[in-house]
Amino acid sequence: MKISARNYLKTVVKKVVTGSVNTEVTLELAPGIEIVSIITKASAENLNLVEGSSAYALIKSSDVIVAVD
């Protein structure tokens, strides 16, 4: 797989919650570190996303906001 996105992270699918139109996918980068994404139900089915499978999180954004307390 070759992609133009520079920000991609290898993850493990931790949780898949399927709705009528969209699916919420929780991806685990490391123990206790997760990313949650909402994708279409059709996309989740096409990718065969199931708990425990490997997946990449691709982050495409022109801005990253950093904040501290």
PDB file of N, CA and C in Angstrom:
ATOM      1  N   MET A   1       0.854  -1.176   0.000  1.00  0.00           N
ATOM      2  CA  MET A   1       0.000   0.000   0.000  1.00  0.00           C
ATOM      3  C   MET A   1       0.894   1.232   0.000  1.00  0.00           C
ATOM      4  N   LYS A   2       0.666   2.129  -0.934  1.00  0.00           N
ATOM      5  CA  LYS A   2       1.354   3.418  -0.968  1.00  0.00           C
ATOM      6  C   LYS A   2       0.304   4.493  -0.862  1.00  0.00           C
ATOM      7  N   ILE A   3       0.561   5.478   0.018  1.00  0.00           N
ATOM      8  CA  ILE A   3      -0.386   6.571   0.224  1.00  0.00           C
ATOM      9  C   ILE A   3       0.374   7.883   0.308  1.00  0.00           C
ATOM     10  N   SER A   4      -0.323   8.981   0.079  1.00  0.00           N
ATOM     11  CA  SER A   4       0.319  10.291   0.165  1.00  0.00           C
ATOM     12  C   SER A   4       0.262  10.873   1.570  1.00  0.00           C
ATOM     13  N   ALA A   5      -0.628  10.372   2.407  1.00  0.00           N
ATOM     14  CA  ALA A   5      -0.748  10.902   3.772  1.00  0.00           C
ATOM     15  C   ALA A   5       0.516  10.592   4.556  1.00  0.00           C
ATOM     16  N   ARG A   6       1.015  11.564   5.266  1.00  0.00           N
ATOM     17  CA  ARG A   6       2.233  11.377   6.059  1.00  0.00           C
ATOM     18  C   ARG A   6       1.936  10.897   7.474  1.00  0.00           C
ATOM     19  N   ASN A   7       0.732  11.129   7.927  1.00  0.00           N
ATOM     20  CA  ASN A   7       0.377  10.787   9.304  1.00  0.00           C
ATOM     21  C   ASN A   7      -0.482   9.526   9.311  1.00  0.00           C
ATOM     22  N   TYR A   8       0.171   8.379   9.505  1.00  0.00           N
ATOM     23  CA  TYR A   8      -0.574   7.137   9.608  1.00  0.00           C
ATOM     24  C   TYR A   8      -0.012   6.313  10.757  1.00  0.00           C
ATOM     25  N   LEU A   9      -0.894   5.626  11.436  1.00  0.00           N
ATOM     26  CA  LEU A   9      -0.537   4.880  12.632  1.00  0.00           C
ATOM     27  C   LEU A   9      -1.077   3.462  12.528  1.00  0.00           C
ATOM     28  N   LYS A  10      -0.235   2.482  12.796  1.00  0.00           N
ATOM     29  CA  LYS A  10      -0.685   1.096  12.802  1.00  0.00           C
ATOM     30  C   LYS A  10      -1.400   0.843  14.124  1.00  0.00           C
ATOM     31  N   THR A  11      -2.586   0.258  14.044  1.00  0.00           N
ATOM     32  CA  THR A  11      -3.414   0.062  15.231  1.00  0.00           C
ATOM     33  C   THR A  11      -4.031  -1.331  15.223  1.00  0.00           C
ATOM     34  N   VAL A  12      -4.749  -1.615  16.291  1.00  0.00           N
ATOM     35  CA  VAL A  12      -5.563  -2.818  16.397  1.00  0.00           C
ATOM     36  C   VAL A  12      -6.995  -2.372  16.648  1.00  0.00           C
ATOM     37  N   VAL A  13      -7.939  -2.978  15.941  1.00  0.00           N
ATOM     38  CA  VAL A  13      -9.345  -2.647  16.131  1.00  0.00           C
ATOM     39  C   VAL A  13      -9.769  -3.172  17.494  1.00  0.00           C
ATOM     40  N   LYS A  14     -10.189  -2.261  18.351  1.00  0.00           N
ATOM     41  CA  LYS A  14     -10.593  -2.641  19.709  1.00  0.00           C
ATOM     42  C   LYS A  14     -12.100  -2.852  19.817  1.00  0.00           C
ATOM     43  N   LYS A  15     -12.874  -2.012  19.096  1.00  0.00           N
ATOM     44  CA  LYS A  15     -14.327  -2.074  19.232  1.00  0.00           C
ATOM     45  C   LYS A  15     -14.973  -1.578  17.944  1.00  0.00           C
ATOM     46  N   VAL A  16     -16.059  -2.241  17.539  1.00  0.00           N
ATOM     47  CA  VAL A  16     -16.825  -1.841  16.361  1.00  0.00           C
ATOM     48  C   VAL A  16     -18.293  -1.775  16.776  1.00  0.00           C
ATOM     49  N   VAL A  17     -18.889  -0.579  16.651  1.00  0.00           N
ATOM     50  CA  VAL A  17     -20.302  -0.402  16.982  1.00  0.00           C
ATOM     51  C   VAL A  17     -21.013   0.013  15.700  1.00  0.00           C
ATOM     52  N   THR A  18     -21.817  -0.900  15.177  1.00  0.00           N
ATOM     53  CA  THR A  18     -22.493  -0.669  13.903  1.00  0.00           C
ATOM     54  C   THR A  18     -23.858  -0.044  14.126  1.00  0.00           C
ATOM     55  N   GLY A  19     -24.101   1.061  13.411  1.00  0.00           N
ATOM     56  CA  GLY A  19     -25.408   1.706  13.430  1.00  0.00           C
ATOM     57  C   GLY A  19     -26.126   1.442  12.117  1.00  0.00           C
ATOM     58  N   SER A  20     -27.242   2.127  11.903  1.00  0.00           N
ATOM     59  CA  SER A  20     -28.009   1.906  10.682  1.00  0.00           C
ATOM     60  C   SER A  20     -27.329   2.507   9.450  1.00  0.00           C
ATOM     61  N   VAL A  21     -26.529   3.578   9.646  1.00  0.00           N
ATOM     62  CA  VAL A  21     -25.843   4.234   8.527  1.00  0.00           C
ATOM     63  C   VAL A  21     -24.334   4.279   8.749  1.00  0.00           C
ATOM     64  N   ASN A  22     -23.912   4.613   9.959  1.00  0.00           N
ATOM     65  CA  ASN A  22     -22.495   4.764  10.287  1.00  0.00           C
ATOM     66  C   ASN A  22     -22.037   3.709  11.277  1.00  0.00           C
ATOM     67  N   THR A  23     -20.716   3.542  11.352  1.00  0.00           N
ATOM     68  CA  THR A  23     -20.096   2.619  12.294  1.00  0.00           C
ATOM     69  C   THR A  23     -19.039   3.378  13.076  1.00  0.00           C
ATOM     70  N   GLU A  24     -19.034   3.203  14.401  1.00  0.00           N
ATOM     71  CA  GLU A  24     -18.007   3.803  15.254  1.00  0.00           C
ATOM     72  C   GLU A  24     -16.922   2.754  15.482  1.00  0.00           C
ATOM     73  N   VAL A  25     -15.690   3.104  15.124  1.00  0.00           N
ATOM     74  CA  VAL A  25     -14.566   2.184  15.239  1.00  0.00           C
ATOM     75  C   VAL A  25     -13.570   2.744  16.248  1.00  0.00           C
ATOM     76  N   THR A  26     -13.253   1.963  17.261  1.00  0.00           N
ATOM     77  CA  THR A  26     -12.228   2.340  18.234  1.00  0.00           C
ATOM     78  C   THR A  26     -10.951   1.592  17.889  1.00  0.00           C
ATOM     79  N   LEU A  27      -9.882   2.353  17.662  1.00  0.00           N
ATOM     80  CA  LEU A  27      -8.586   1.794  17.301  1.00  0.00           C
ATOM     81  C   LEU A  27      -7.617   2.009  18.454  1.00  0.00           C
ATOM     82  N   GLU A  28      -6.876   0.973  18.800  1.00  0.00           N
ATOM     83  CA  GLU A  28      -5.925   1.063  19.913  1.00  0.00           C
ATOM     84  C   GLU A  28      -4.503   1.132  19.365  1.00  0.00           C
ATOM     85  N   LEU A  29      -3.801   2.223  19.739  1.00  0.00           N
ATOM     86  CA  LEU A  29      -2.404   2.398  19.328  1.00  0.00           C
ATOM     87  C   LEU A  29      -1.458   1.659  20.264  1.00  0.00           C
ATOM     88  N   ALA A  30      -1.758   1.725  21.541  1.00  0.00           N
ATOM     89  CA  ALA A  30      -0.998   1.082  22.612  1.00  0.00           C
ATOM     90  C   ALA A  30      -1.971   0.948  23.779  1.00  0.00           C
ATOM     91  N   PRO A  31      -1.649   0.133  24.772  1.00  0.00           N
ATOM     92  CA  PRO A  31      -2.578   0.002  25.900  1.00  0.00           C
ATOM     93  C   PRO A  31      -2.974   1.363  26.487  1.00  0.00           C
ATOM     94  N   GLY A  32      -4.278   1.645  26.476  1.00  0.00           N
ATOM     95  CA  GLY A  32      -4.791   2.892  27.030  1.00  0.00           C
ATOM     96  C   GLY A  32      -4.774   4.076  26.077  1.00  0.00           C
ATOM     97  N   ILE A  33      -4.252   3.901  24.864  1.00  0.00           N
ATOM     98  CA  ILE A  33      -4.200   4.995  23.891  1.00  0.00           C
ATOM     99  C   ILE A  33      -5.058   4.602  22.693  1.00  0.00           C
ATOM    100  N   GLU A  34      -6.171   5.338  22.502  1.00  0.00           N
ATOM    101  CA  GLU A  34      -7.150   4.977  21.482  1.00  0.00           C
ATOM    102  C   GLU A  34      -7.516   6.155  20.593  1.00  0.00           C
ATOM    103  N   ILE A  35      -7.938   5.827  19.392  1.00  0.00           N
ATOM    104  CA  ILE A  35      -8.500   6.788  18.447  1.00  0.00           C
ATOM    105  C   ILE A  35      -9.879   6.258  18.079  1.00  0.00           C
ATOM    106  N   VAL A  36     -10.875   7.137  18.029  1.00  0.00           N
ATOM    107  CA  VAL A  36     -12.221   6.732  17.643  1.00  0.00           C
ATOM    108  C   VAL A  36     -12.570   7.430  16.339  1.00  0.00           C
ATOM    109  N   SER A  37     -13.121   6.671  15.405  1.00  0.00           N
ATOM    110  CA  SER A  37     -13.498   7.216  14.111  1.00  0.00           C
ATOM    111  C   SER A  37     -14.912   6.777  13.759  1.00  0.00           C
ATOM    112  N   ILE A  38     -15.630   7.651  13.099  1.00  0.00           N
ATOM    113  CA  ILE A  38     -16.956   7.334  12.571  1.00  0.00           C
ATOM    114  C   ILE A  38     -16.802   7.188  11.063  1.00  0.00           C
ATOM    115  N   ILE A  39     -17.125   6.014  10.536  1.00  0.00           N
ATOM    116  CA  ILE A  39     -17.069   5.777   9.103  1.00  0.00           C
ATOM    117  C   ILE A  39     -18.412   5.212   8.650  1.00  0.00           C
ATOM    118  N   THR A  40     -18.620   5.150   7.375  1.00  0.00           N
ATOM    119  CA  THR A  40     -19.894   4.596   6.903  1.00  0.00           C
ATOM    120  C   THR A  40     -19.954   3.102   7.198  1.00  0.00           C
ATOM    121  N   LYS A  41     -21.164   2.628   7.362  1.00  0.00           N
ATOM    122  CA  LYS A  41     -21.381   1.199   7.602  1.00  0.00           C
ATOM    123  C   LYS A  41     -20.827   0.385   6.430  1.00  0.00           C
ATOM    124  N   ALA A  42     -21.043   0.875   5.213  1.00  0.00           N
ATOM    125  CA  ALA A  42     -20.550   0.182   4.020  1.00  0.00           C
ATOM    126  C   ALA A  42     -19.024   0.080   4.016  1.00  0.00           C
ATOM    127  N   SER A  43     -18.348   1.152   4.424  1.00  0.00           N
ATOM    128  CA  SER A  43     -16.882   1.124   4.476  1.00  0.00           C
ATOM    129  C   SER A  43     -16.383   0.122   5.504  1.00  0.00           C
ATOM    130  N   ALA A  44     -17.012   0.090   6.663  1.00  0.00           N
ATOM    131  CA  ALA A  44     -16.618  -0.862   7.701  1.00  0.00           C
ATOM    132  C   ALA A  44     -16.792  -2.295   7.209  1.00  0.00           C
ATOM    133  N   GLU A  45     -17.885  -2.550   6.492  1.00  0.00           N
ATOM    134  CA  GLU A  45     -18.120  -3.892   5.954  1.00  0.00           C
ATOM    135  C   GLU A  45     -17.099  -4.238   4.874  1.00  0.00           C
ATOM    136  N   ASN A  46     -16.793  -3.287   3.983  1.00  0.00           N
ATOM    137  CA  ASN A  46     -15.809  -3.525   2.919  1.00  0.00           C
ATOM    138  C   ASN A  46     -14.413  -3.791   3.471  1.00  0.00           C
ATOM    139  N   LEU A  47     -14.079  -3.163   4.591  1.00  0.00           N
ATOM    140  CA  LEU A  47     -12.771  -3.357   5.216  1.00  0.00           C
ATOM    141  C   LEU A  47     -12.728  -4.588   6.122  1.00  0.00           C
ATOM    142  N   ASN A  48     -13.881  -5.225   6.317  1.00  0.00           N
ATOM    143  CA  ASN A  48     -13.971  -6.393   7.211  1.00  0.00           C
ATOM    144  C   ASN A  48     -13.416  -6.091   8.596  1.00  0.00           C
ATOM    145  N   LEU A  49     -13.808  -4.955   9.165  1.00  0.00           N
ATOM    146  CA  LEU A  49     -13.307  -4.555  10.475  1.00  0.00           C
ATOM    147  C   LEU A  49     -13.946  -5.402  11.570  1.00  0.00           C
ATOM    148  N   VAL A  50     -13.106  -6.100  12.313  1.00  0.00           N
ATOM    149  CA  VAL A  50     -13.560  -6.896  13.449  1.00  0.00           C
ATOM    150  C   VAL A  50     -12.577  -6.699  14.585  1.00  0.00           C
ATOM    151  N   GLU A  51     -13.051  -6.866  15.790  1.00  0.00           N
ATOM    152  CA  GLU A  51     -12.186  -6.699  16.960  1.00  0.00           C
ATOM    153  C   GLU A  51     -10.971  -7.610  16.861  1.00  0.00           C
ATOM    154  N   GLY A  52      -9.804  -7.028  17.128  1.00  0.00           N
ATOM    155  CA  GLY A  52      -8.558  -7.780  17.102  1.00  0.00           C
ATOM    156  C   GLY A  52      -7.808  -7.723  15.787  1.00  0.00           C
ATOM    157  N   SER A  53      -8.463  -7.217  14.737  1.00  0.00           N
ATOM    158  CA  SER A  53      -7.772  -7.140  13.448  1.00  0.00           C
ATOM    159  C   SER A  53      -6.875  -5.902  13.394  1.00  0.00           C
ATOM    160  N   SER A  54      -5.891  -5.930  12.513  1.00  0.00           N
ATOM    161  CA  SER A  54      -4.990  -4.794  12.321  1.00  0.00           C
ATOM    162  C   SER A  54      -5.615  -3.791  11.368  1.00  0.00           C
ATOM    163  N   ALA A  55      -5.328  -2.523  11.588  1.00  0.00           N
ATOM    164  CA  ALA A  55      -5.809  -1.460  10.709  1.00  0.00           C
ATOM    165  C   ALA A  55      -4.875  -0.268  10.837  1.00  0.00           C
ATOM    166  N   TYR A  56      -4.900   0.598   9.855  1.00  0.00           N
ATOM    167  CA  TYR A  56      -4.134   1.835   9.908  1.00  0.00           C
ATOM    168  C   TYR A  56      -5.086   2.998  10.111  1.00  0.00           C
ATOM    169  N   ALA A  57      -4.694   3.926  10.973  1.00  0.00           N
ATOM    170  CA  ALA A  57      -5.412   5.188  11.139  1.00  0.00           C
ATOM    171  C   ALA A  57      -4.636   6.221  10.329  1.00  0.00           C
ATOM    172  N   LEU A  58      -5.280   6.782   9.319  1.00  0.00           N
ATOM    173  CA  LEU A  58      -4.662   7.820   8.500  1.00  0.00           C
ATOM    174  C   LEU A  58      -5.262   9.151   8.902  1.00  0.00           C
ATOM    175  N   ILE A  59      -4.400  10.091   9.240  1.00  0.00           N
ATOM    176  CA  ILE A  59      -4.851  11.385   9.731  1.00  0.00           C
ATOM    177  C   ILE A  59      -4.474  12.430   8.695  1.00  0.00           C
ATOM    178  N   LYS A  60      -5.481  13.038   8.100  1.00  0.00           N
ATOM    179  CA  LYS A  60      -5.259  14.042   7.065  1.00  0.00           C
ATOM    180  C   LYS A  60      -5.868  15.355   7.520  1.00  0.00           C
ATOM    181  N   SER A  61      -5.027  16.319   7.795  1.00  0.00           N
ATOM    182  CA  SER A  61      -5.507  17.603   8.273  1.00  0.00           C
ATOM    183  C   SER A  61      -4.490  18.678   7.934  1.00  0.00           C
ATOM    184  N   SER A  62      -4.969  19.866   7.647  1.00  0.00           N
ATOM    185  CA  SER A  62      -4.048  20.964   7.370  1.00  0.00           C
ATOM    186  C   SER A  62      -3.652  21.696   8.646  1.00  0.00           C
ATOM    187  N   ASP A  63      -4.356  21.443   9.743  1.00  0.00           N
ATOM    188  CA  ASP A  63      -4.053  22.104  11.012  1.00  0.00           C
ATOM    189  C   ASP A  63      -4.039  21.093  12.157  1.00  0.00           C
ATOM    190  N   VAL A  64      -3.124  21.287  13.058  1.00  0.00           N
ATOM    191  CA  VAL A  64      -3.099  20.537  14.295  1.00  0.00           C
ATOM    192  C   VAL A  64      -3.057  21.568  15.418  1.00  0.00           C
ATOM    193  N   ILE A  65      -4.011  21.492  16.323  1.00  0.00           N
ATOM    194  CA  ILE A  65      -4.083  22.433  17.439  1.00  0.00           C
ATOM    195  C   ILE A  65      -3.495  21.761  18.669  1.00  0.00           C
ATOM    196  N   VAL A  66      -2.563  22.429  19.318  1.00  0.00           N
ATOM    197  CA  VAL A  66      -1.929  21.908  20.523  1.00  0.00           C
ATOM    198  C   VAL A  66      -2.354  22.767  21.692  1.00  0.00           C
ATOM    199  N   ALA A  67      -2.708  22.141  22.811  1.00  0.00           N
ATOM    200  CA  ALA A  67      -3.141  22.883  24.005  1.00  0.00           C
ATOM    201  C   ALA A  67      -2.531  22.258  25.245  1.00  0.00           C
ATOM    202  N   VAL A  68      -2.388  23.053  26.285  1.00  0.00           N
ATOM    203  CA  VAL A  68      -1.919  22.564  27.581  1.00  0.00           C
ATOM    204  C   VAL A  68      -2.803  23.178  28.665  1.00  0.00           C
ATOM    205  N   ASP A  69      -2.816  22.553  29.828  1.00  0.00           N
ATOM    206  CA  ASP A  69      -3.568  23.094  30.963  1.00  0.00           C
ATOM    207  C   ASP A  69      -2.790  24.225  31.606  1.00  0.00           C
TER     208      ASP A  69
END
